Amino acid sequence: MTGRNKKLIRILAIVLVVLLAGGVVFSALFSSLAEEQTEVASARGQCTLAMEYMPDEQALHVTQRLIYVNPSDGPMRAVVFNCAGNMFRRESALMYEPDELETVFFAGYALAGVDLTDVRVDGKPTEFGFQGEGETFLRVDCDLAPGGRCEFEFDYYLLLMRCGAFQGVGDTDVRLSAFYFSPGVYDPNEGDFILKKPLSHTRWLYADPMDFDATLALPEGYVLAGTGEIERDGNRWHVAAKDVRELALSFGRRWRATECQTASGVTVRVLSGARGMAARAAQIAADAIERCEDWFGPFPFDRLDIAQSDYPLGALNFPGAVWLSGDLLRAGSADALAHRLRFCVAQQYFGIAASPEPVADAWLSDAVSEYISYLLLEDAEGRDAFLKAVNRDWVPALQQTVPGGLRLTTDAAMFNSREYGIVVLNRGAVVLHELRQAMGLEGLLDGLRGFYQMGRDGHILTEMDLVAALDAATGQSWEAFLTDWAFNVGDYANQTIDWFE
């Protein structure tokens, strides 16, 4: 063997050793990343639902399994779950206001709720009991060490009313939201679970992110819409949704599907009987998504389902899904339709993908999303259309006196729907507009982009997060400015406003 060949062999041997060593390094690295991803996934709750809809009984049979991890640093003897379906057991417990009741419960009140047949923890029967007004919470005994996990299993029938509520059966669709047992958020400072009463004028379900895997058996002819990836196998539908705080589903027999895609590949699917308005709705939503992607980054979901619904109070918004009142899909409702869809697209970012506490800090979602909807109007139709809408919608709200002098930062549970519209949506949008006037549109959008990114790690956003994001975007301090406007925007009620800009 020549010296040259020996040298070549030595070089090849060295390369092989390096490659092998690199393989070990890469293997260790990928193994570490995989373990980290597994740890993140295992720290989240995991919910499995096996469901069958029984139209003759107007009921949903559900078998639910939920992996729960004790988030506290002490032992846990019980977990408290939301059981919103029991609100329908008593007319006095209904969350809707007197002027909404006839519209929502168009067929009158009829008994509904949850018929719970079995509760188990790690395969064994356990003690449980309903709590709260209307028995809308369920306490289940367990024995969990700090960081420990267990499997809760529930077998129940969800009895559905004929109505237009957040759960119910109508002519157009069957609606399922907050329909499963959802564990409350554990507050280590209080040593207890935080649970919210349902509200009609804002999002209210307060839940930690979970991974969902659901199957739903439907009679022939139904089409399913909702959160997550949806696949059909005959009359059985499979739904998978990861890292979301809420799963919402609806299904109907009178829908036709209208689809379009954004430039980035997000599918917008409108399920409706209003064929002409459905195409318009799909395009409005797609245009709003594309502009929001320019401002805030990729849309947080691969698909947005917009389902025509018998829900009568405008729209309900969930991760990757919107329930839209049929009234908004009628000719003559184009402006209202555009506003609601733009708001819902913005809220997919602020309030759903990145979330504040949904009741106490609802304005961080709803006021922000409301103002963005007007920015989307300005972007689509120009400054004159923006100012016309501002003076039509905001000025009357600014010049009304609200009983009790409610502040923008007041807990949403203290409002009725009219007060909420005045104080949070309209006056809240004015606060954001004053910020825009002070820091410029690009500064505000940069701040909101940073605010959104802060919530993508799953932590609950606060007012101080918003201040920090605005400060970081502009290099200035905005806490005093924001606080002054948030608490004193009602002072406009004492001023004469001929034209607001």
Protein backbone atom coordinates (compact mmCIF):
# COMPACT_ATOMS: atom_id res chain seq x y z
CA MET A 1 0.00 0.00 0.00
CA THR A 2 1.40 3.37 -1.00
CA GLY A 3 1.88 6.28 1.40
CA ARG A 4 -0.72 8.23 -0.57
CA ASN A 5 -3.31 5.46 -0.11
CA LYS A 6 -2.52 5.23 3.63
CA LYS A 7 -2.97 8.98 3.94
CA LEU A 8 -6.32 8.78 2.12
CA ILE A 9 -7.47 5.97 4.41
CA ARG A 10 -6.48 7.99 7.51
CA ILE A 11 -8.43 11.00 6.17
CA LEU A 12 -11.49 8.83 5.51
CA ALA A 13 -11.20 7.34 9.00
CA ILE A 14 -11.07 10.80 10.54
CA VAL A 15 -14.10 11.92 8.51
CA LEU A 16 -15.97 8.77 9.57
CA VAL A 17 -15.16 9.40 13.24
CA VAL A 18 -16.32 13.02 12.91
CA LEU A 19 -19.52 11.95 11.19
CA LEU A 20 -20.17 9.30 13.83
CA ALA A 21 -19.49 11.77 16.61
CA GLY A 22 -21.71 14.29 14.86
CA GLY A 23 -24.38 11.65 14.57
CA VAL A 24 -24.21 11.10 18.30
CA VAL A 25 -24.41 14.84 18.89
CA PHE A 26 -27.31 15.26 16.48
CA SER A 27 -29.01 12.20 17.91
CA ALA A 28 -28.63 13.59 21.41
CA LEU A 29 -29.84 16.97 20.25
CA PHE A 30 -32.92 15.59 18.51
CA SER A 31 -33.58 13.27 21.44
CA SER A 32 -33.38 16.25 23.78
CA LEU A 33 -35.77 18.25 21.57
CA ALA A 34 -38.16 15.33 21.37
CA GLU A 35 -38.09 14.91 25.14
CA GLU A 36 -38.69 18.64 25.58
CA GLN A 37 -41.67 18.54 23.19
CA THR A 38 -43.03 15.47 24.99
CA GLU A 39 -42.69 17.21 28.34
CA VAL A 40 -44.55 20.26 27.01
CA ALA A 41 -47.32 18.08 25.60
CA SER A 42 -47.58 15.99 28.76
CA ALA A 43 -47.82 19.11 30.93
CA ARG A 44 -51.00 20.06 29.07
CA GLY A 45 -54.31 18.41 29.73
CA GLN A 46 -55.40 15.84 27.17
CA CYS A 47 -59.09 15.35 26.49
CA THR A 48 -60.62 12.48 24.52
CA LEU A 49 -64.31 12.60 23.57
CA ALA A 50 -66.38 9.80 22.04
CA MET A 51 -69.78 11.23 21.09
CA GLU A 52 -73.01 10.26 19.40
CA TYR A 53 -75.80 12.66 18.48
CA MET A 54 -79.30 11.26 18.98
CA PRO A 55 -81.73 13.58 17.17
CA ASP A 56 -84.90 11.79 18.34
CA GLU A 57 -83.88 12.27 21.97
CA GLN A 58 -82.37 15.73 21.22
CA ALA A 59 -79.29 14.61 23.16
CA LEU A 60 -75.59 14.01 22.83
CA HIS A 61 -74.11 10.91 24.48
CA VAL A 62 -70.54 11.59 25.58
CA THR A 63 -67.78 9.46 27.02
CA GLN A 64 -64.98 11.79 28.10
CA ARG A 65 -61.49 10.93 29.30
CA LEU A 66 -59.27 13.72 30.54
CA ILE A 67 -55.63 13.50 31.63
CA TYR A 68 -55.09 16.12 34.32
CA VAL A 69 -51.74 17.23 35.76
CA ASN A 70 -51.66 18.82 39.22
CA PRO A 71 -50.17 22.30 38.58
CA SER A 72 -49.79 23.18 42.26
CA ASP A 73 -46.86 22.62 44.62
CA GLY A 74 -49.06 20.77 47.10
CA PRO A 75 -51.35 17.73 47.13
CA MET A 76 -54.72 18.09 45.41
CA ARG A 77 -57.78 16.36 46.88
CA ALA A 78 -60.32 17.46 44.26
CA VAL A 79 -60.63 19.15 40.88
CA VAL A 80 -63.51 21.47 40.02
CA PHE A 81 -64.86 21.42 36.46
CA ASN A 82 -67.08 23.74 34.45
CA CYS A 83 -70.46 22.20 33.70
CA ALA A 84 -72.12 25.01 31.74
CA GLY A 85 -74.81 22.75 30.29
CA ASN A 86 -76.55 22.65 33.65
CA MET A 87 -77.43 26.34 33.24
CA PHE A 88 -80.45 25.10 31.27
CA ARG A 89 -81.85 23.15 34.24
CA ARG A 90 -83.40 26.26 35.76
CA GLU A 91 -84.91 29.20 33.93
CA SER A 92 -83.69 31.47 36.73
CA ALA A 93 -80.07 30.47 35.99
CA LEU A 94 -80.12 31.41 32.29
CA MET A 95 -77.35 33.88 31.47
CA TYR A 96 -79.34 35.89 28.94
CA GLU A 97 -80.87 39.26 29.74
CA PRO A 98 -84.65 39.84 29.72
CA ASP A 99 -84.66 41.50 26.30
CA GLU A 100 -82.63 38.60 24.86
CA LEU A 101 -84.64 35.71 26.29
CA GLU A 102 -87.44 35.68 23.74
CA THR A 103 -84.97 35.89 20.86
CA VAL A 104 -82.62 33.20 22.16
CA PHE A 105 -85.31 30.84 23.46
CA PHE A 106 -87.63 31.19 20.49
CA ALA A 107 -89.43 27.95 21.32
CA GLY A 108 -89.84 28.85 25.00
CA TYR A 109 -88.00 27.42 27.96
CA ALA A 110 -87.72 23.64 28.24
CA LEU A 111 -85.71 21.59 30.69
CA ALA A 112 -82.21 20.60 29.53
CA GLY A 113 -78.83 19.99 31.14
CA VAL A 114 -76.35 17.22 31.92
CA ASP A 115 -77.41 13.71 32.93
CA LEU A 116 -74.21 12.37 34.50
CA THR A 117 -74.22 8.58 34.75
CA ASP A 118 -70.67 7.71 35.79
CA VAL A 119 -67.52 9.41 37.13
CA ARG A 120 -64.22 7.61 37.64
CA VAL A 121 -60.64 8.53 38.52
CA ASP A 122 -57.98 6.18 37.17
CA GLY A 123 -60.68 3.63 36.48
CA LYS A 124 -62.21 3.67 39.97
CA PRO A 125 -65.53 5.24 41.10
CA THR A 126 -65.10 8.40 43.16
CA GLU A 127 -67.14 10.96 45.06
CA PHE A 128 -68.45 13.98 43.16
CA GLY A 129 -71.01 16.72 43.55
CA PHE A 130 -72.45 19.69 41.66
CA GLN A 131 -71.83 23.19 42.98
CA GLY A 132 -72.70 26.82 42.27
CA GLU A 133 -75.79 28.64 41.11
CA GLY A 134 -77.58 26.36 38.71
CA GLU A 135 -75.12 23.56 39.58
CA THR A 136 -72.82 24.75 36.79
CA PHE A 137 -69.63 23.40 38.42
CA LEU A 138 -68.68 19.81 39.29
CA ARG A 139 -66.29 18.88 42.09
CA VAL A 140 -64.60 15.49 41.70
CA ASP A 141 -62.48 13.94 44.46
CA CYS A 142 -58.99 12.71 43.63
CA ASP A 143 -55.59 12.24 45.28
CA LEU A 144 -52.85 13.96 43.33
CA ALA A 145 -49.32 14.66 44.50
CA PRO A 146 -47.62 17.86 43.28
CA GLY A 147 -47.03 17.41 39.55
CA GLY A 148 -48.95 14.13 39.64
CA ARG A 149 -51.44 13.13 36.98
CA CYS A 150 -54.61 11.12 36.79
CA GLU A 151 -57.32 10.22 34.30
CA PHE A 152 -60.85 11.47 34.89
CA GLU A 153 -63.59 9.59 33.08
CA PHE A 154 -67.14 10.86 32.62
CA ASP A 155 -70.12 9.22 30.99
CA TYR A 156 -73.07 11.52 30.42
CA TYR A 157 -75.91 12.67 28.23
CA LEU A 158 -76.10 16.32 27.25
CA LEU A 159 -79.79 17.12 26.90
CA LEU A 160 -80.24 19.96 24.43
CA MET A 161 -82.95 22.60 24.22
CA ARG A 162 -84.50 23.90 21.05
CA CYS A 163 -83.03 27.39 21.22
CA GLY A 164 -80.39 29.79 19.92
CA ALA A 165 -78.11 29.61 22.96
CA PHE A 166 -74.44 28.59 23.10
CA GLN A 167 -75.70 25.00 23.35
CA GLY A 168 -78.85 23.96 21.57
CA VAL A 169 -80.76 22.71 18.55
CA GLY A 170 -82.23 24.99 15.89
CA ASP A 171 -83.49 24.83 12.33
CA THR A 172 -80.02 25.53 10.91
CA ASP A 173 -77.55 23.91 13.26
CA VAL A 174 -76.82 22.08 16.48
CA ARG A 175 -74.39 24.10 18.62
CA LEU A 176 -71.90 22.65 21.09
CA SER A 177 -69.69 24.98 23.11
CA ALA A 178 -68.52 24.53 26.72
CA PHE A 179 -70.30 21.19 26.40
CA TYR A 180 -67.66 18.97 28.02
CA PHE A 181 -66.26 18.98 31.55
CA SER A 182 -63.48 21.58 31.50
CA PRO A 183 -61.24 21.90 34.59
CA GLY A 184 -61.08 25.34 36.15
CA VAL A 185 -57.80 27.25 36.18
CA TYR A 186 -55.98 26.64 39.46
CA ASP A 187 -54.88 29.81 41.26
CA PRO A 188 -51.91 29.04 43.53
CA ASN A 189 -52.36 32.33 45.37
CA GLU A 190 -55.91 31.47 46.36
CA GLY A 191 -55.35 27.72 46.57
CA ASP A 192 -58.56 27.21 44.59
CA PHE A 193 -59.99 26.95 41.08
CA ILE A 194 -61.13 30.01 39.12
CA LEU A 195 -64.45 29.35 37.40
CA LYS A 196 -66.59 31.84 35.46
CA LYS A 197 -70.32 32.15 35.08
CA PRO A 198 -71.46 32.22 31.44
CA LEU A 199 -71.95 35.66 29.88
CA SER A 200 -73.79 36.57 26.69
CA HIS A 201 -71.77 39.66 25.74
CA THR A 202 -68.18 38.37 25.79
CA ARG A 203 -66.06 35.24 25.95
CA TRP A 204 -66.22 33.73 29.41
CA LEU A 205 -64.78 30.19 29.53
CA TYR A 206 -61.51 30.38 31.47
CA ALA A 207 -59.45 27.26 30.78
CA ASP A 208 -55.87 26.12 30.42
CA PRO A 209 -54.74 24.92 26.96
CA MET A 210 -55.47 21.26 26.21
CA ASP A 211 -55.08 18.77 23.38
CA PHE A 212 -58.40 17.38 22.13
CA ASP A 213 -59.13 14.19 20.24
CA ALA A 214 -62.81 13.67 19.48
CA THR A 215 -65.06 11.41 17.44
CA LEU A 216 -68.68 12.25 16.70
CA ALA A 217 -71.25 9.94 15.13
CA LEU A 218 -73.89 11.92 13.20
CA PRO A 219 -76.96 10.81 11.27
CA GLU A 220 -76.85 10.83 7.48
CA GLY A 221 -76.75 14.26 5.87
CA TYR A 222 -75.09 16.33 8.59
CA VAL A 223 -71.93 18.39 8.01
CA LEU A 224 -69.57 19.24 10.88
CA ALA A 225 -67.77 22.55 11.47
CA GLY A 226 -65.61 23.70 14.34
CA THR A 227 -62.24 23.85 16.03
CA GLY A 228 -59.29 21.76 14.86
CA GLU A 229 -58.61 19.37 12.01
CA ILE A 230 -61.80 17.63 10.87
CA GLU A 231 -61.93 14.39 8.90
CA ARG A 232 -64.94 12.35 7.84
CA ASP A 233 -65.32 8.59 7.61
CA GLY A 234 -68.89 7.89 6.58
CA ASN A 235 -71.15 9.15 9.35
CA ARG A 236 -68.30 9.30 11.85
CA TRP A 237 -66.28 12.48 12.16
CA HIS A 238 -62.86 12.86 13.77
CA VAL A 239 -61.65 16.13 15.30
CA ALA A 240 -58.11 16.85 16.49
CA ALA A 241 -57.13 20.16 18.08
CA LYS A 242 -53.87 20.84 19.88
CA ASP A 243 -53.01 23.50 22.43
CA VAL A 244 -56.38 25.28 22.48
CA ARG A 245 -58.38 26.57 25.43
CA GLU A 246 -61.76 25.62 24.02
CA LEU A 247 -63.31 23.14 21.63
CA ALA A 248 -66.50 24.20 19.84
CA LEU A 249 -68.45 22.20 17.26
CA SER A 250 -71.62 22.74 15.26
CA PHE A 251 -73.33 20.64 12.64
CA GLY A 252 -76.22 21.11 10.25
CA ARG A 253 -78.04 19.61 7.29
CA ARG A 254 -78.88 22.75 5.34
CA TRP A 255 -75.38 24.05 4.71
CA ARG A 256 -73.51 24.41 1.44
CA ALA A 257 -69.76 24.89 1.64
CA THR A 258 -68.10 27.94 0.07
CA GLU A 259 -64.29 28.04 0.29
CA CYS A 260 -61.42 30.30 -0.57
CA GLN A 261 -57.77 30.47 0.40
CA THR A 262 -55.53 33.31 1.47
CA ALA A 263 -52.19 33.91 -0.19
CA SER A 264 -50.52 32.21 2.80
CA GLY A 265 -52.67 29.08 2.43
CA VAL A 266 -55.27 29.61 5.19
CA THR A 267 -58.57 28.01 4.16
CA VAL A 268 -61.72 30.03 4.84
CA ARG A 269 -64.79 27.82 4.77
CA VAL A 270 -68.28 29.29 4.98
CA LEU A 271 -71.10 26.84 5.68
CA SER A 272 -74.39 28.50 4.89
CA GLY A 273 -77.63 28.34 2.96
CA ALA A 274 -77.14 31.95 1.79
CA ARG A 275 -75.08 31.21 -1.28
CA GLY A 276 -74.39 34.76 -2.54
CA MET A 277 -73.61 36.23 0.89
CA ALA A 278 -71.50 33.19 1.75
CA ALA A 279 -69.02 34.01 -1.01
CA ARG A 280 -68.93 37.61 0.21
CA ALA A 281 -68.34 36.48 3.81
CA ALA A 282 -65.50 34.19 2.74
CA GLN A 283 -63.77 37.00 0.85
CA ILE A 284 -64.18 39.52 3.70
CA ALA A 285 -62.64 37.06 6.16
CA ALA A 286 -59.82 36.12 3.77
CA ASP A 287 -58.97 39.78 3.14
CA ALA A 288 -58.97 40.48 6.90
CA ILE A 289 -56.69 37.49 7.55
CA GLU A 290 -54.20 38.60 4.91
CA ARG A 291 -54.00 42.13 6.32
CA CYS A 292 -53.70 40.89 9.91
CA GLU A 293 -50.90 38.60 8.80
CA ASP A 294 -49.08 41.68 7.47
CA TRP A 295 -49.56 43.42 10.82
CA PHE A 296 -49.23 40.64 13.41
CA GLY A 297 -47.76 37.55 11.75
CA PRO A 298 -49.15 34.22 10.51
CA PHE A 299 -52.80 33.49 11.22
CA PRO A 300 -52.84 31.17 14.24
CA PHE A 301 -54.93 28.43 12.59
CA ASP A 302 -54.77 26.61 9.26
CA ARG A 303 -58.51 26.99 8.68
CA LEU A 304 -61.31 29.31 9.71
CA ASP A 305 -64.81 27.81 9.70
CA ILE A 306 -67.66 30.31 9.49
CA ALA A 307 -70.93 28.49 10.12
CA GLN A 308 -74.38 30.02 9.70
CA SER A 309 -76.10 29.45 13.00
CA ASP A 310 -79.37 29.91 14.84
CA TYR A 311 -77.39 31.82 17.45
CA PRO A 312 -79.27 35.14 17.14
CA LEU A 313 -77.02 37.71 18.86
CA GLY A 314 -74.51 38.37 16.08
CA ALA A 315 -71.55 35.99 16.30
CA LEU A 316 -69.74 33.66 18.67
CA ASN A 317 -66.01 33.17 18.18
CA PHE A 318 -63.91 30.11 19.04
CA PRO A 319 -60.46 28.80 18.05
CA GLY A 320 -60.64 28.53 14.26
CA ALA A 321 -64.43 28.74 14.20
CA VAL A 322 -67.16 31.39 14.08
CA TRP A 323 -70.90 30.96 14.52
CA LEU A 324 -72.65 33.65 12.53
CA SER A 325 -76.27 34.71 12.88
CA GLY A 326 -78.32 34.16 9.75
CA ASP A 327 -79.45 37.80 10.00
CA LEU A 328 -75.91 38.88 9.12
CA LEU A 329 -76.00 36.82 5.92
CA ARG A 330 -79.07 38.54 4.52
CA ALA A 331 -78.97 41.19 1.82
CA GLY A 332 -78.79 44.62 3.42
CA SER A 333 -76.49 43.48 6.24
CA ALA A 334 -73.21 43.82 4.34
CA ASP A 335 -71.68 46.47 6.63
CA ALA A 336 -72.65 44.62 9.82
CA LEU A 337 -71.38 41.34 8.33
CA ALA A 338 -68.02 42.89 7.44
CA HIS A 339 -67.64 44.43 10.89
CA ARG A 340 -68.41 41.20 12.76
CA LEU A 341 -66.09 39.10 10.59
CA ARG A 342 -63.23 41.58 10.89
CA PHE A 343 -63.70 41.63 14.67
CA CYS A 344 -63.71 37.81 14.77
CA VAL A 345 -60.55 37.56 12.67
CA ALA A 346 -58.78 40.03 14.97
CA GLN A 347 -59.97 38.12 18.04
CA GLN A 348 -58.49 34.91 16.67
CA TYR A 349 -55.18 36.65 17.42
CA PHE A 350 -56.12 38.70 20.50
CA GLY A 351 -58.26 36.69 22.88
CA ILE A 352 -58.01 33.20 21.39
CA ALA A 353 -54.46 32.38 20.22
CA ALA A 354 -53.04 34.85 22.77
CA SER A 355 -55.45 35.25 25.64
CA PRO A 356 -56.08 37.61 28.54
CA GLU A 357 -58.25 36.50 31.45
CA PRO A 358 -61.54 36.47 29.52
CA VAL A 359 -63.82 38.28 32.00
CA ALA A 360 -61.74 40.45 34.34
CA ASP A 361 -59.52 41.65 31.46
CA ALA A 362 -61.93 41.22 28.56
CA TRP A 363 -61.12 44.67 27.20
CA LEU A 364 -57.60 43.49 26.31
CA SER A 365 -59.23 41.18 23.79
CA ASP A 366 -62.45 42.92 22.82
CA ALA A 367 -61.40 46.61 22.73
CA VAL A 368 -58.25 45.69 20.81
CA SER A 369 -60.19 43.51 18.35
CA GLU A 370 -62.85 46.20 17.95
CA TYR A 371 -60.28 48.84 17.06
CA ILE A 372 -58.50 46.50 14.65
CA SER A 373 -61.84 45.90 12.89
CA TYR A 374 -62.04 49.65 12.21
CA LEU A 375 -58.43 49.67 11.01
CA LEU A 376 -59.37 46.88 8.60
CA LEU A 377 -62.30 49.01 7.38
CA GLU A 378 -59.90 51.95 6.88
CA ASP A 379 -57.47 49.72 4.99
CA ALA A 380 -60.22 48.32 2.75
CA GLU A 381 -62.33 51.44 2.10
CA GLY A 382 -60.20 54.45 3.02
CA ARG A 383 -59.93 57.14 5.68
CA ASP A 384 -63.31 58.73 4.93
CA ALA A 385 -65.15 55.44 5.50
CA PHE A 386 -63.19 54.98 8.73
CA LEU A 387 -64.12 58.42 10.08
CA LYS A 388 -67.75 58.02 9.05
CA ALA A 389 -67.96 54.76 11.00
CA VAL A 390 -66.12 56.26 13.98
CA ASN A 391 -68.52 59.17 14.24
CA ARG A 392 -71.54 56.94 13.75
CA ASP A 393 -70.51 54.35 16.34
CA TRP A 394 -68.15 55.91 18.88
CA VAL A 395 -69.42 59.44 19.39
CA PRO A 396 -72.87 58.45 20.71
CA ALA A 397 -71.17 56.04 23.13
CA LEU A 398 -68.75 58.71 24.27
CA GLN A 399 -71.57 61.10 25.12
CA GLN A 400 -73.73 58.70 27.11
CA THR A 401 -73.64 58.59 30.89
CA VAL A 402 -73.26 55.01 32.07
CA PRO A 403 -74.91 54.16 35.42
CA GLY A 404 -72.30 53.69 38.11
CA GLY A 405 -69.57 55.40 36.10
CA LEU A 406 -68.20 52.05 34.93
CA ARG A 407 -64.55 52.19 33.86
CA LEU A 408 -63.01 50.51 30.85
CA THR A 409 -61.09 48.13 33.12
CA THR A 410 -64.16 47.06 35.12
CA ASP A 411 -64.85 43.30 35.32
CA ALA A 412 -67.09 42.36 32.37
CA ALA A 413 -69.41 40.40 34.67
CA MET A 414 -70.60 43.76 36.09
CA PHE A 415 -71.92 44.93 32.70
CA ASN A 416 -75.10 44.23 30.85
CA SER A 417 -74.74 43.89 27.08
CA ARG A 418 -75.65 47.53 26.38
CA GLU A 419 -73.13 48.87 28.90
CA TYR A 420 -70.50 46.49 27.58
CA GLY A 421 -70.96 47.79 24.06
CA ILE A 422 -70.66 51.41 25.23
CA VAL A 423 -67.80 51.07 27.70
CA VAL A 424 -65.62 48.27 26.35
CA LEU A 425 -66.21 48.10 22.60
CA ASN A 426 -66.80 51.74 21.69
CA ARG A 427 -64.93 53.64 24.42
CA GLY A 428 -62.22 50.99 24.43
CA ALA A 429 -61.71 51.58 20.72
CA VAL A 430 -61.37 55.32 21.45
CA VAL A 431 -58.58 54.57 23.96
CA LEU A 432 -56.71 52.63 21.27
CA HIS A 433 -57.34 55.47 18.81
CA GLU A 434 -55.84 57.99 21.23
CA LEU A 435 -52.78 55.75 21.48
CA ARG A 436 -52.56 55.71 17.70
CA GLN A 437 -52.78 59.50 17.57
CA ALA A 438 -49.98 59.78 20.13
CA MET A 439 -47.55 57.12 18.84
CA GLY A 440 -48.51 56.79 15.18
CA LEU A 441 -50.17 53.85 13.45
CA GLU A 442 -46.94 51.92 12.88
CA GLY A 443 -45.96 52.33 16.53
CA LEU A 444 -49.34 51.03 17.66
CA LEU A 445 -49.26 48.07 15.27
CA ASP A 446 -45.71 47.22 16.34
CA GLY A 447 -46.83 47.35 19.97
CA LEU A 448 -49.86 45.14 19.31
CA ARG A 449 -47.66 42.68 17.42
CA GLY A 450 -45.38 42.44 20.44
CA PHE A 451 -48.37 42.08 22.74
CA TYR A 452 -49.68 39.20 20.65
CA GLN A 453 -46.31 37.45 20.62
CA MET A 454 -46.11 37.69 24.43
CA GLY A 455 -49.23 35.55 24.67
CA ARG A 456 -48.09 32.85 22.30
CA ASP A 457 -46.23 31.02 25.07
CA GLY A 458 -49.58 30.31 26.75
CA HIS A 459 -49.38 32.72 29.68
CA ILE A 460 -52.40 34.91 30.38
CA LEU A 461 -51.91 38.45 29.09
CA THR A 462 -52.32 41.44 31.42
CA GLU A 463 -52.51 45.20 31.09
CA MET A 464 -48.85 45.43 32.06
CA ASP A 465 -47.98 43.16 29.13
CA LEU A 466 -49.70 45.65 26.83
CA VAL A 467 -47.77 48.53 28.39
CA ALA A 468 -44.49 46.62 28.08
CA ALA A 469 -45.18 45.84 24.42
CA LEU A 470 -45.99 49.46 23.61
CA ASP A 471 -42.86 50.62 25.44
CA ALA A 472 -40.66 48.13 23.60
CA ALA A 473 -42.12 49.12 20.22
CA THR A 474 -41.54 52.84 20.64
CA GLY A 475 -38.75 53.24 23.19
CA GLN A 476 -41.06 55.42 25.31
CA SER A 477 -43.15 54.91 28.46
CA TRP A 478 -46.93 54.61 27.93
CA GLU A 479 -48.25 53.45 31.31
CA ALA A 480 -49.38 56.90 32.51
CA PHE A 481 -50.93 57.74 29.11
CA LEU A 482 -52.83 54.46 28.88
CA THR A 483 -53.98 54.57 32.51
CA ASP A 484 -55.23 58.15 32.12
CA TRP A 485 -57.28 57.31 29.04
CA ALA A 486 -58.54 53.95 30.32
CA PHE A 487 -59.91 55.54 33.50
CA ASN A 488 -61.03 58.91 32.12
CA VAL A 489 -62.32 58.32 28.59
CA GLY A 490 -65.81 58.93 30.04
CA ASP A 491 -64.92 62.61 30.37
CA TYR A 492 -65.90 62.97 26.71
CA ALA A 493 -69.52 62.83 27.92
CA ASN A 494 -69.18 66.46 29.06
CA GLN A 495 -67.86 67.73 25.73
CA THR A 496 -69.53 68.83 22.52
CA ILE A 497 -68.23 66.76 19.60
CA ASP A 498 -69.13 67.94 16.10
CA TRP A 499 -66.72 65.60 14.31
CA PHE A 500 -64.34 63.13 15.93
CA GLU A 501 -61.04 62.37 14.26
